[in-house]
Amino acid sequence: MNCCSPGSAGPVARPLSYGLRLSLAPRALGGDKTGPSPVDRSKAGSKHHLIVDANGVPLACLLTGANEPDIIQLLPLVEAIPPLRGKRGRPRRRPNTLLADRGYDSQRHRQALRARGIRPIIAKRRTEHGSGLGSQRWVIERTLSWLHQYRRLRIRYERRADIHQAFLSLACSLICLRQLNRSFC
C-alpha cells in the first residue's frame, strides 16, 4: 500500500486500517528535536527553553529534545534576544543580570556571561536549597504555565520541529500582547 498522494514529494501522515482499528502509518514517531524524556519513562518529548523579563514577558524561546541538557542552550538563548527598541541611541541587546536555576550552573558559562556584560545569578549545584532564588524564579514558572495553557504546546502533536517552534513563537507573541493590553488598561 502506497502512502504517497499523487504529486507530493513524500509520504502523507494519515491513519491506515489494520484489522478493526486505525493506526498511523509506520514511521518514526516524534520527529525532529525529540528525545527520550528522563522523567517520563523514556517517552519521546521536547523541552521549551525560555528567557523572560522581570514581568514574565518572553524575550526568546527555543525548542530542544527532552534529553538535551539545559546548559547547552544557555548561550544560544541569550544570543536569541532581539534588540529592544524604543529609546534613542543604540538598542540594548542583553540584560544586566541573568537569573537561572541549577540546570544552568557551569563556571565556563558564568565566565561567558560575564564577558558579555551580564551578571549571572545561578544557583550552585550540590548545595542546600533555600538560596532565595525561588522568590524570583516563580516569574519564569508562571510564564511556562501560561505557555502550557495552549494544548498544542502542552502535548506535542506535530512531527516537524519547525511547526512546533512556530506554535511556540505564536504563543509567546500572544503572551506579549496580553501583557501589553494589561499595561494599557
N, C-alpha and C. Protein backbone atom coordinates (compact mmCIF):
# COMPACT_ATOMS: atom_id res chain seq x y z
N MET A 1 0.84 -1.17 0.00
CA MET A 1 0.00 0.00 0.00
C MET A 1 0.89 1.23 0.00
N ASN A 2 0.62 2.16 -0.88
CA ASN A 2 1.43 3.37 -1.01
C ASN A 2 0.80 4.49 -0.20
N CYS A 3 1.58 5.18 0.61
CA CYS A 3 1.09 6.26 1.46
C CYS A 3 1.27 7.61 0.82
N CYS A 4 1.77 7.66 -0.39
CA CYS A 4 2.05 8.95 -1.03
C CYS A 4 0.86 9.40 -1.85
N SER A 5 0.52 10.67 -1.70
CA SER A 5 -0.54 11.21 -2.54
C SER A 5 0.05 11.62 -3.88
N PRO A 6 -0.76 11.63 -4.94
CA PRO A 6 -0.21 11.99 -6.24
C PRO A 6 0.29 13.43 -6.25
N GLY A 7 1.45 13.63 -6.78
CA GLY A 7 2.03 14.96 -6.90
C GLY A 7 2.77 15.43 -5.67
N SER A 8 2.79 14.66 -4.60
CA SER A 8 3.51 15.09 -3.39
C SER A 8 4.91 14.50 -3.40
N ALA A 9 5.77 15.14 -2.64
CA ALA A 9 7.16 14.71 -2.61
C ALA A 9 7.40 13.57 -1.63
N GLY A 10 6.56 13.46 -0.61
CA GLY A 10 6.83 12.46 0.41
C GLY A 10 5.56 11.81 0.91
N PRO A 11 5.70 10.95 1.92
CA PRO A 11 4.55 10.25 2.46
C PRO A 11 3.62 11.19 3.23
N VAL A 12 2.36 10.86 3.23
CA VAL A 12 1.35 11.64 3.92
C VAL A 12 1.07 10.96 5.25
N ALA A 13 1.05 11.71 6.34
CA ALA A 13 0.74 11.14 7.65
C ALA A 13 -0.76 11.03 7.78
N ARG A 14 -1.28 9.82 7.63
CA ARG A 14 -2.71 9.60 7.75
C ARG A 14 -2.94 8.23 8.34
N PRO A 15 -4.11 8.01 8.93
CA PRO A 15 -4.37 6.70 9.52
C PRO A 15 -4.56 5.63 8.45
N LEU A 16 -4.05 4.46 8.70
CA LEU A 16 -4.24 3.30 7.84
C LEU A 16 -5.00 2.25 8.62
N SER A 17 -5.82 1.47 7.94
CA SER A 17 -6.60 0.47 8.66
C SER A 17 -5.80 -0.81 8.79
N TYR A 18 -5.71 -1.31 9.98
CA TYR A 18 -5.09 -2.59 10.28
C TYR A 18 -6.12 -3.39 11.05
N GLY A 19 -6.82 -4.25 10.39
CA GLY A 19 -7.86 -5.03 11.05
C GLY A 19 -9.03 -4.16 11.40
N LEU A 20 -9.40 -4.10 12.68
CA LEU A 20 -10.56 -3.33 13.11
C LEU A 20 -10.22 -1.94 13.61
N ARG A 21 -8.95 -1.59 13.69
CA ARG A 21 -8.60 -0.26 14.21
C ARG A 21 -7.74 0.51 13.22
N LEU A 22 -7.75 1.82 13.41
CA LEU A 22 -6.92 2.68 12.59
C LEU A 22 -5.63 2.98 13.33
N SER A 23 -4.54 3.00 12.65
CA SER A 23 -3.29 3.39 13.28
C SER A 23 -2.49 4.19 12.27
N LEU A 24 -1.52 4.97 12.76
CA LEU A 24 -0.73 5.80 11.87
C LEU A 24 0.20 4.93 11.03
N ALA A 25 0.55 5.47 9.89
CA ALA A 25 1.47 4.76 9.01
C ALA A 25 2.77 4.49 9.75
N PRO A 26 3.41 3.35 9.52
CA PRO A 26 4.62 3.01 10.27
C PRO A 26 5.77 3.93 9.90
N ARG A 27 6.07 4.87 10.74
CA ARG A 27 7.18 5.81 10.59
C ARG A 27 7.79 6.05 11.96
N ALA A 28 8.87 6.74 11.95
CA ALA A 28 9.48 7.11 13.23
C ALA A 28 8.59 8.12 13.93
N LEU A 29 8.13 7.80 15.11
CA LEU A 29 7.27 8.71 15.86
C LEU A 29 8.11 9.83 16.46
N GLY A 30 7.52 10.96 16.63
CA GLY A 30 8.18 12.07 17.28
C GLY A 30 8.66 13.12 16.32
N GLY A 31 9.63 12.84 15.51
CA GLY A 31 10.15 13.82 14.58
C GLY A 31 11.41 14.47 15.11
N ASP A 32 11.75 15.61 14.50
CA ASP A 32 12.96 16.33 14.89
C ASP A 32 12.81 16.92 16.29
N LYS A 33 13.93 17.12 16.93
CA LYS A 33 14.01 17.75 18.25
C LYS A 33 13.14 17.05 19.28
N THR A 34 13.17 15.73 19.26
CA THR A 34 12.56 14.94 20.32
C THR A 34 13.63 14.01 20.86
N GLY A 35 13.42 13.54 22.05
CA GLY A 35 14.36 12.61 22.65
C GLY A 35 13.71 11.93 23.83
N PRO A 36 14.32 10.88 24.33
CA PRO A 36 13.72 10.17 25.47
C PRO A 36 13.71 11.06 26.71
N SER A 37 12.54 11.20 27.29
CA SER A 37 12.40 12.05 28.47
C SER A 37 13.00 11.35 29.69
N PRO A 38 13.82 12.05 30.45
CA PRO A 38 14.40 11.42 31.64
C PRO A 38 13.41 11.25 32.78
N VAL A 39 12.26 11.90 32.72
CA VAL A 39 11.29 11.81 33.82
C VAL A 39 9.99 11.12 33.44
N ASP A 40 9.80 10.77 32.16
CA ASP A 40 8.53 10.21 31.73
C ASP A 40 8.74 8.88 31.03
N ARG A 41 9.38 7.94 31.69
CA ARG A 41 9.59 6.57 31.21
C ARG A 41 10.15 6.52 29.80
N SER A 42 11.05 7.41 29.49
CA SER A 42 11.76 7.48 28.21
C SER A 42 10.85 7.67 27.01
N LYS A 43 9.68 8.26 27.21
CA LYS A 43 8.83 8.59 26.07
C LYS A 43 9.45 9.76 25.33
N ALA A 44 9.22 9.81 24.03
CA ALA A 44 9.78 10.90 23.24
C ALA A 44 9.11 12.21 23.63
N GLY A 45 9.91 13.25 23.82
CA GLY A 45 9.36 14.53 24.21
C GLY A 45 10.28 15.68 23.83
N SER A 46 9.81 16.89 24.08
CA SER A 46 10.56 18.10 23.76
C SER A 46 10.60 19.00 24.99
N LYS A 47 11.57 19.92 24.99
CA LYS A 47 11.69 20.92 26.05
C LYS A 47 11.53 22.30 25.46
N HIS A 48 10.90 23.18 26.23
CA HIS A 48 10.79 24.58 25.86
C HIS A 48 11.74 25.36 26.75
N HIS A 49 12.68 26.06 26.16
CA HIS A 49 13.62 26.90 26.89
C HIS A 49 13.18 28.35 26.68
N LEU A 50 13.05 29.09 27.78
CA LEU A 50 12.58 30.47 27.70
C LEU A 50 13.52 31.39 28.44
N ILE A 51 13.57 32.63 27.97
CA ILE A 51 14.19 33.70 28.72
C ILE A 51 13.17 34.82 28.76
N VAL A 52 12.87 35.31 29.97
CA VAL A 52 11.81 36.30 30.15
C VAL A 52 12.36 37.52 30.87
N ASP A 53 11.61 38.63 30.81
CA ASP A 53 12.00 39.81 31.56
C ASP A 53 11.42 39.70 32.98
N ALA A 54 11.53 40.75 33.77
CA ALA A 54 11.11 40.70 35.17
C ALA A 54 9.60 40.55 35.33
N ASN A 55 8.82 40.87 34.29
CA ASN A 55 7.37 40.75 34.37
C ASN A 55 6.86 39.45 33.79
N GLY A 56 7.73 38.61 33.25
CA GLY A 56 7.31 37.34 32.68
C GLY A 56 7.02 37.41 31.20
N VAL A 57 7.39 38.48 30.54
CA VAL A 57 7.19 38.60 29.09
C VAL A 57 8.32 37.85 28.40
N PRO A 58 8.00 36.88 27.54
CA PRO A 58 9.06 36.11 26.87
C PRO A 58 9.89 36.98 25.93
N LEU A 59 11.21 36.87 26.06
CA LEU A 59 12.12 37.58 25.17
C LEU A 59 12.63 36.67 24.07
N ALA A 60 12.86 35.40 24.38
CA ALA A 60 13.33 34.43 23.39
C ALA A 60 12.90 33.04 23.83
N CYS A 61 12.69 32.16 22.85
CA CYS A 61 12.30 30.78 23.16
C CYS A 61 13.00 29.84 22.20
N LEU A 62 13.34 28.66 22.69
CA LEU A 62 13.98 27.63 21.89
C LEU A 62 13.32 26.29 22.17
N LEU A 63 13.41 25.39 21.21
CA LEU A 63 12.85 24.05 21.33
C LEU A 63 13.99 23.05 21.18
N THR A 64 14.07 22.08 22.11
CA THR A 64 15.08 21.02 22.01
C THR A 64 14.44 19.70 22.39
N GLY A 65 15.19 18.63 22.20
CA GLY A 65 14.73 17.32 22.64
C GLY A 65 14.74 17.23 24.15
N ALA A 66 13.94 16.31 24.69
CA ALA A 66 13.80 16.20 26.14
C ALA A 66 15.08 15.72 26.82
N ASN A 67 15.96 15.05 26.08
CA ASN A 67 17.18 14.53 26.69
C ASN A 67 18.36 15.49 26.57
N GLU A 68 18.16 16.68 26.01
CA GLU A 68 19.23 17.67 25.89
C GLU A 68 19.47 18.32 27.26
N PRO A 69 20.72 18.48 27.66
CA PRO A 69 21.00 19.19 28.90
C PRO A 69 20.65 20.68 28.76
N ASP A 70 20.15 21.27 29.83
CA ASP A 70 19.74 22.67 29.79
C ASP A 70 20.91 23.61 29.52
N ILE A 71 22.07 23.29 30.04
CA ILE A 71 23.21 24.19 29.98
C ILE A 71 23.65 24.46 28.54
N ILE A 72 23.41 23.53 27.63
CA ILE A 72 23.82 23.70 26.24
C ILE A 72 23.07 24.86 25.60
N GLN A 73 21.85 25.14 26.06
CA GLN A 73 21.01 26.15 25.43
C GLN A 73 21.13 27.53 26.07
N LEU A 74 21.97 27.69 27.08
CA LEU A 74 22.06 28.98 27.78
C LEU A 74 22.57 30.10 26.86
N LEU A 75 23.70 29.93 26.25
CA LEU A 75 24.27 30.99 25.41
C LEU A 75 23.46 31.21 24.12
N PRO A 76 22.98 30.16 23.43
CA PRO A 76 22.12 30.44 22.27
C PRO A 76 20.83 31.18 22.65
N LEU A 77 20.33 30.93 23.84
CA LEU A 77 19.12 31.62 24.30
C LEU A 77 19.40 33.10 24.56
N VAL A 78 20.55 33.39 25.15
CA VAL A 78 20.92 34.79 25.39
C VAL A 78 21.17 35.50 24.06
N GLU A 79 21.79 34.81 23.11
CA GLU A 79 22.04 35.41 21.80
C GLU A 79 20.76 35.61 20.99
N ALA A 80 19.70 34.86 21.31
CA ALA A 80 18.45 34.96 20.56
C ALA A 80 17.59 36.15 20.99
N ILE A 81 18.00 36.87 22.04
CA ILE A 81 17.22 38.03 22.49
C ILE A 81 17.31 39.11 21.42
N PRO A 82 16.17 39.59 20.91
CA PRO A 82 16.22 40.64 19.90
C PRO A 82 16.56 41.98 20.54
N PRO A 83 17.02 42.95 19.75
CA PRO A 83 17.31 44.28 20.32
C PRO A 83 16.03 44.95 20.79
N LEU A 84 16.11 45.65 21.92
CA LEU A 84 14.96 46.35 22.46
C LEU A 84 14.96 47.75 21.88
N ARG A 85 13.92 48.08 21.17
CA ARG A 85 13.84 49.37 20.51
C ARG A 85 12.92 50.29 21.30
N GLY A 86 12.94 51.56 20.97
CA GLY A 86 12.02 52.50 21.58
C GLY A 86 12.71 53.73 22.13
N LYS A 87 13.91 53.59 22.62
CA LYS A 87 14.64 54.75 23.13
C LYS A 87 15.68 55.18 22.11
N ARG A 88 16.09 56.41 22.21
CA ARG A 88 17.13 56.92 21.32
C ARG A 88 18.45 56.23 21.60
N GLY A 89 19.26 56.19 20.58
CA GLY A 89 20.58 55.62 20.75
C GLY A 89 20.62 54.16 20.36
N ARG A 90 21.68 53.53 20.75
CA ARG A 90 21.91 52.14 20.41
C ARG A 90 20.94 51.24 21.18
N PRO A 91 20.23 50.33 20.51
CA PRO A 91 19.29 49.47 21.24
C PRO A 91 20.03 48.45 22.11
N ARG A 92 19.44 48.16 23.27
CA ARG A 92 20.04 47.17 24.18
C ARG A 92 19.80 45.78 23.65
N ARG A 93 20.79 44.92 23.76
CA ARG A 93 20.64 43.55 23.29
C ARG A 93 20.67 42.54 24.42
N ARG A 94 21.22 42.92 25.55
CA ARG A 94 21.40 41.94 26.61
C ARG A 94 20.89 42.50 27.93
N PRO A 95 20.46 41.61 28.80
CA PRO A 95 20.04 42.07 30.13
C PRO A 95 21.25 42.38 31.01
N ASN A 96 20.99 43.10 32.10
CA ASN A 96 22.08 43.38 33.05
C ASN A 96 22.41 42.15 33.88
N THR A 97 21.38 41.44 34.33
CA THR A 97 21.58 40.23 35.13
C THR A 97 20.77 39.08 34.54
N LEU A 98 21.20 37.87 34.83
CA LEU A 98 20.51 36.67 34.37
C LEU A 98 20.31 35.77 35.57
N LEU A 99 19.07 35.43 35.85
CA LEU A 99 18.73 34.56 36.97
C LEU A 99 18.40 33.19 36.40
N ALA A 100 19.01 32.12 36.92
CA ALA A 100 18.77 30.78 36.38
C ALA A 100 18.80 29.76 37.52
N ASP A 101 18.28 28.57 37.24
CA ASP A 101 18.27 27.52 38.26
C ASP A 101 19.52 26.65 38.13
N ARG A 102 19.58 25.58 38.90
CA ARG A 102 20.76 24.73 38.97
C ARG A 102 21.11 24.05 37.65
N GLY A 103 20.14 23.86 36.77
CA GLY A 103 20.41 23.20 35.49
C GLY A 103 21.36 23.99 34.61
N TYR A 104 21.51 25.27 34.87
CA TYR A 104 22.36 26.13 34.04
C TYR A 104 23.68 26.47 34.74
N ASP A 105 24.03 25.75 35.79
CA ASP A 105 25.24 26.05 36.56
C ASP A 105 26.47 25.47 35.87
N SER A 106 27.40 26.36 35.50
CA SER A 106 28.67 25.96 34.91
C SER A 106 29.61 27.16 34.99
N GLN A 107 30.82 26.91 35.43
CA GLN A 107 31.78 28.00 35.57
C GLN A 107 32.13 28.60 34.22
N ARG A 108 32.23 27.76 33.21
CA ARG A 108 32.56 28.24 31.86
C ARG A 108 31.47 29.17 31.33
N HIS A 109 30.21 28.81 31.59
CA HIS A 109 29.10 29.64 31.11
C HIS A 109 28.96 30.92 31.94
N ARG A 110 29.30 30.84 33.22
CA ARG A 110 29.30 32.06 34.05
C ARG A 110 30.32 33.06 33.49
N GLN A 111 31.50 32.56 33.13
CA GLN A 111 32.53 33.45 32.58
C GLN A 111 32.11 34.01 31.22
N ALA A 112 31.44 33.19 30.41
CA ALA A 112 30.97 33.67 29.10
C ALA A 112 29.91 34.76 29.27
N LEU A 113 29.05 34.61 30.28
CA LEU A 113 28.05 35.65 30.54
C LEU A 113 28.71 36.93 31.03
N ARG A 114 29.69 36.80 31.91
CA ARG A 114 30.41 37.99 32.40
C ARG A 114 31.13 38.70 31.26
N ALA A 115 31.67 37.93 30.31
CA ALA A 115 32.35 38.53 29.16
C ALA A 115 31.38 39.32 28.29
N ARG A 116 30.11 38.95 28.32
CA ARG A 116 29.08 39.67 27.56
C ARG A 116 28.50 40.83 28.37
N GLY A 117 28.97 41.03 29.57
CA GLY A 117 28.48 42.13 30.41
C GLY A 117 27.22 41.79 31.17
N ILE A 118 26.96 40.50 31.40
CA ILE A 118 25.77 40.04 32.12
C ILE A 118 26.21 39.46 33.45
N ARG A 119 25.60 39.90 34.53
CA ARG A 119 25.90 39.35 35.84
C ARG A 119 25.07 38.10 36.08
N PRO A 120 25.69 36.91 36.17
CA PRO A 120 24.91 35.68 36.38
C PRO A 120 24.54 35.49 37.85
N ILE A 121 23.27 35.17 38.10
CA ILE A 121 22.80 34.77 39.42
C ILE A 121 22.23 33.37 39.24
N ILE A 122 23.08 32.38 39.41
CA ILE A 122 22.72 30.99 39.14
C ILE A 122 22.95 30.19 40.41
N ALA A 123 21.96 29.40 40.79
CA ALA A 123 22.10 28.55 41.97
C ALA A 123 23.18 27.50 41.71
N LYS A 124 23.98 27.22 42.74
CA LYS A 124 25.06 26.25 42.60
C LYS A 124 24.52 24.84 42.78
N ARG A 125 25.10 23.93 42.01
CA ARG A 125 24.73 22.51 42.16
C ARG A 125 25.32 21.95 43.44
N ARG A 126 24.70 20.90 43.91
CA ARG A 126 25.14 20.17 45.11
C ARG A 126 25.24 21.06 46.35
N THR A 127 24.36 22.05 46.42
CA THR A 127 24.27 22.87 47.62
C THR A 127 22.84 22.76 48.15
N GLU A 128 22.67 23.17 49.39
CA GLU A 128 21.34 23.11 50.00
C GLU A 128 20.38 24.05 49.32
N HIS A 129 19.13 23.66 49.27
CA HIS A 129 18.12 24.56 48.75
C HIS A 129 17.86 25.65 49.78
N GLY A 130 17.22 26.70 49.35
CA GLY A 130 16.97 27.81 50.25
C GLY A 130 17.86 28.99 49.95
N SER A 131 18.33 29.08 48.71
CA SER A 131 19.18 30.20 48.33
C SER A 131 18.39 31.49 48.17
N GLY A 132 17.05 31.39 48.12
CA GLY A 132 16.22 32.57 47.96
C GLY A 132 15.88 32.89 46.52
N LEU A 133 16.41 32.11 45.56
CA LEU A 133 16.13 32.37 44.16
C LEU A 133 14.70 31.99 43.78
N GLY A 134 14.07 31.14 44.56
CA GLY A 134 12.70 30.73 44.25
C GLY A 134 11.72 31.88 44.34
N SER A 135 12.03 32.88 45.17
CA SER A 135 11.14 34.03 45.29
C SER A 135 11.14 34.87 44.02
N GLN A 136 12.16 34.73 43.19
CA GLN A 136 12.21 35.43 41.91
C GLN A 136 11.97 34.48 40.73
N ARG A 137 12.20 33.21 40.93
CA ARG A 137 12.06 32.23 39.85
C ARG A 137 10.61 31.94 39.51
N TRP A 138 9.66 32.27 40.35
CA TRP A 138 8.26 31.99 40.07
C TRP A 138 7.79 32.70 38.81
N VAL A 139 8.47 33.77 38.40
CA VAL A 139 8.09 34.52 37.20
C VAL A 139 8.22 33.63 35.97
N ILE A 140 9.33 32.91 35.83
CA ILE A 140 9.51 32.03 34.68
C ILE A 140 8.57 30.84 34.76
N GLU A 141 8.34 30.33 35.98
CA GLU A 141 7.40 29.21 36.13
C GLU A 141 5.99 29.64 35.73
N ARG A 142 5.60 30.86 36.06
CA ARG A 142 4.29 31.36 35.68
C ARG A 142 4.19 31.49 34.17
N THR A 143 5.25 31.97 33.52
CA THR A 143 5.23 32.10 32.07
C THR A 143 5.17 30.73 31.39
N LEU A 144 5.88 29.75 31.94
CA LEU A 144 5.78 28.40 31.39
C LEU A 144 4.36 27.84 31.54
N SER A 145 3.70 28.16 32.65
CA SER A 145 2.31 27.69 32.81
C SER A 145 1.39 28.42 31.84
N TRP A 146 1.67 29.68 31.54
CA TRP A 146 0.89 30.39 30.52
C TRP A 146 1.07 29.73 29.16
N LEU A 147 2.31 29.32 28.85
CA LEU A 147 2.56 28.65 27.58
C LEU A 147 1.84 27.32 27.48
N HIS A 148 1.84 26.58 28.58
CA HIS A 148 1.25 25.25 28.55
C HIS A 148 -0.26 25.26 28.71
N GLN A 149 -0.87 26.44 28.75
CA GLN A 149 -2.32 26.52 28.67
C GLN A 149 -2.77 26.22 27.24
N TYR A 150 -1.87 26.40 26.29
CA TYR A 150 -2.18 26.08 24.90
C TYR A 150 -1.92 24.59 24.69
N ARG A 151 -2.96 23.89 24.25
CA ARG A 151 -2.89 22.44 24.15
C ARG A 151 -1.81 21.97 23.18
N ARG A 152 -1.59 22.71 22.12
CA ARG A 152 -0.59 22.30 21.14
C ARG A 152 0.82 22.33 21.71
N LEU A 153 1.03 23.08 22.77
CA LEU A 153 2.35 23.15 23.38
C LEU A 153 2.47 22.20 24.57
N ARG A 154 1.37 21.95 25.24
CA ARG A 154 1.40 21.05 26.39
C ARG A 154 1.72 19.63 25.94
N ILE A 155 1.08 19.19 24.86
CA ILE A 155 1.34 17.88 24.27
C ILE A 155 1.74 18.13 22.82
N ARG A 156 2.89 17.64 22.44
CA ARG A 156 3.37 17.90 21.08
C ARG A 156 2.72 16.92 20.12
N TYR A 157 1.95 17.47 19.18
CA TYR A 157 1.29 16.67 18.16
C TYR A 157 2.03 16.69 16.83
N GLU A 158 2.84 17.70 16.59
CA GLU A 158 3.49 17.88 15.31
C GLU A 158 4.75 17.02 15.23
N ARG A 159 4.97 16.47 14.07
CA ARG A 159 6.20 15.72 13.85
C ARG A 159 7.34 16.64 13.45
N ARG A 160 7.02 17.72 12.78
CA ARG A 160 8.04 18.65 12.32
C ARG A 160 8.34 19.67 13.40
N ALA A 161 9.62 19.84 13.69
CA ALA A 161 10.04 20.75 14.76
C ALA A 161 9.79 22.21 14.40
N ASP A 162 9.88 22.56 13.11
CA ASP A 162 9.68 23.96 12.74
C ASP A 162 8.23 24.39 12.95
N ILE A 163 7.28 23.47 12.79
CA ILE A 163 5.87 23.80 13.05
C ILE A 163 5.65 24.00 14.55
N HIS A 164 6.24 23.12 15.37
CA HIS A 164 6.08 23.26 16.82
C HIS A 164 6.77 24.55 17.31
N GLN A 165 7.92 24.87 16.73
CA GLN A 165 8.61 26.12 17.08
C GLN A 165 7.75 27.31 16.69
N ALA A 166 7.04 27.22 15.57
CA ALA A 166 6.15 28.32 15.15
C ALA A 166 5.01 28.49 16.15
N PHE A 167 4.43 27.38 16.62
CA PHE A 167 3.37 27.47 17.63
C PHE A 167 3.92 28.05 18.93
N LEU A 168 5.15 27.68 19.28
CA LEU A 168 5.77 28.22 20.48
C LEU A 168 5.99 29.73 20.35
N SER A 169 6.45 30.18 19.21
CA SER A 169 6.66 31.61 18.99
C SER A 169 5.33 32.36 18.96
N LEU A 170 4.32 31.76 18.38
CA LEU A 170 3.00 32.38 18.35
C LEU A 170 2.42 32.52 19.76
N ALA A 171 2.59 31.50 20.59
CA ALA A 171 2.11 31.58 21.97
C ALA A 171 2.87 32.65 22.75
N CYS A 172 4.17 32.77 22.52
CA CYS A 172 4.95 33.83 23.17
C CYS A 172 4.46 35.21 22.73
N SER A 173 4.11 35.34 21.45
CA SER A 173 3.58 36.62 20.96
C SER A 173 2.24 36.94 21.60
N LEU A 174 1.39 35.93 21.78
CA LEU A 174 0.11 36.15 22.44
C LEU A 174 0.28 36.56 23.90
N ILE A 175 1.26 35.98 24.58
CA ILE A 175 1.54 36.37 25.96
C ILE A 175 2.03 37.81 26.01
N CYS A 176 2.89 38.19 25.07
CA CYS A 176 3.36 39.59 25.00
C CYS A 176 2.20 40.54 24.75
N LEU A 177 1.31 40.17 23.85
CA LEU A 177 0.15 41.01 23.55
C LEU A 177 -0.76 41.15 24.77
N ARG A 178 -0.96 40.06 25.49
CA ARG A 178 -1.79 40.10 26.70
C ARG A 178 -1.18 41.01 27.76
N GLN A 179 0.15 40.92 27.92
CA GLN A 179 0.83 41.79 28.90
C GLN A 179 0.76 43.26 28.47
N LEU A 180 0.87 43.50 27.17
CA LEU A 180 0.78 44.85 26.65
C LEU A 180 -0.62 45.44 26.88
N ASN A 181 -1.64 44.63 26.65
CA ASN A 181 -3.02 45.09 26.90
C ASN A 181 -3.25 45.39 28.38
N ARG A 182 -2.66 44.58 29.26
CA ARG A 182 -2.81 44.81 30.70
C ARG A 182 -2.14 46.11 31.13
N SER A 183 -1.02 46.44 30.49
CA SER A 183 -0.30 47.66 30.90
C SER A 183 -1.03 48.92 30.45
N PHE A 184 -1.83 48.83 29.39
CA PHE A 184 -2.57 49.99 28.92
C PHE A 184 -3.94 50.14 29.59
N CYS A 185 -4.43 49.11 30.22
CA CYS A 185 -5.76 49.20 30.87
C CYS A 185 -5.67 49.74 32.26
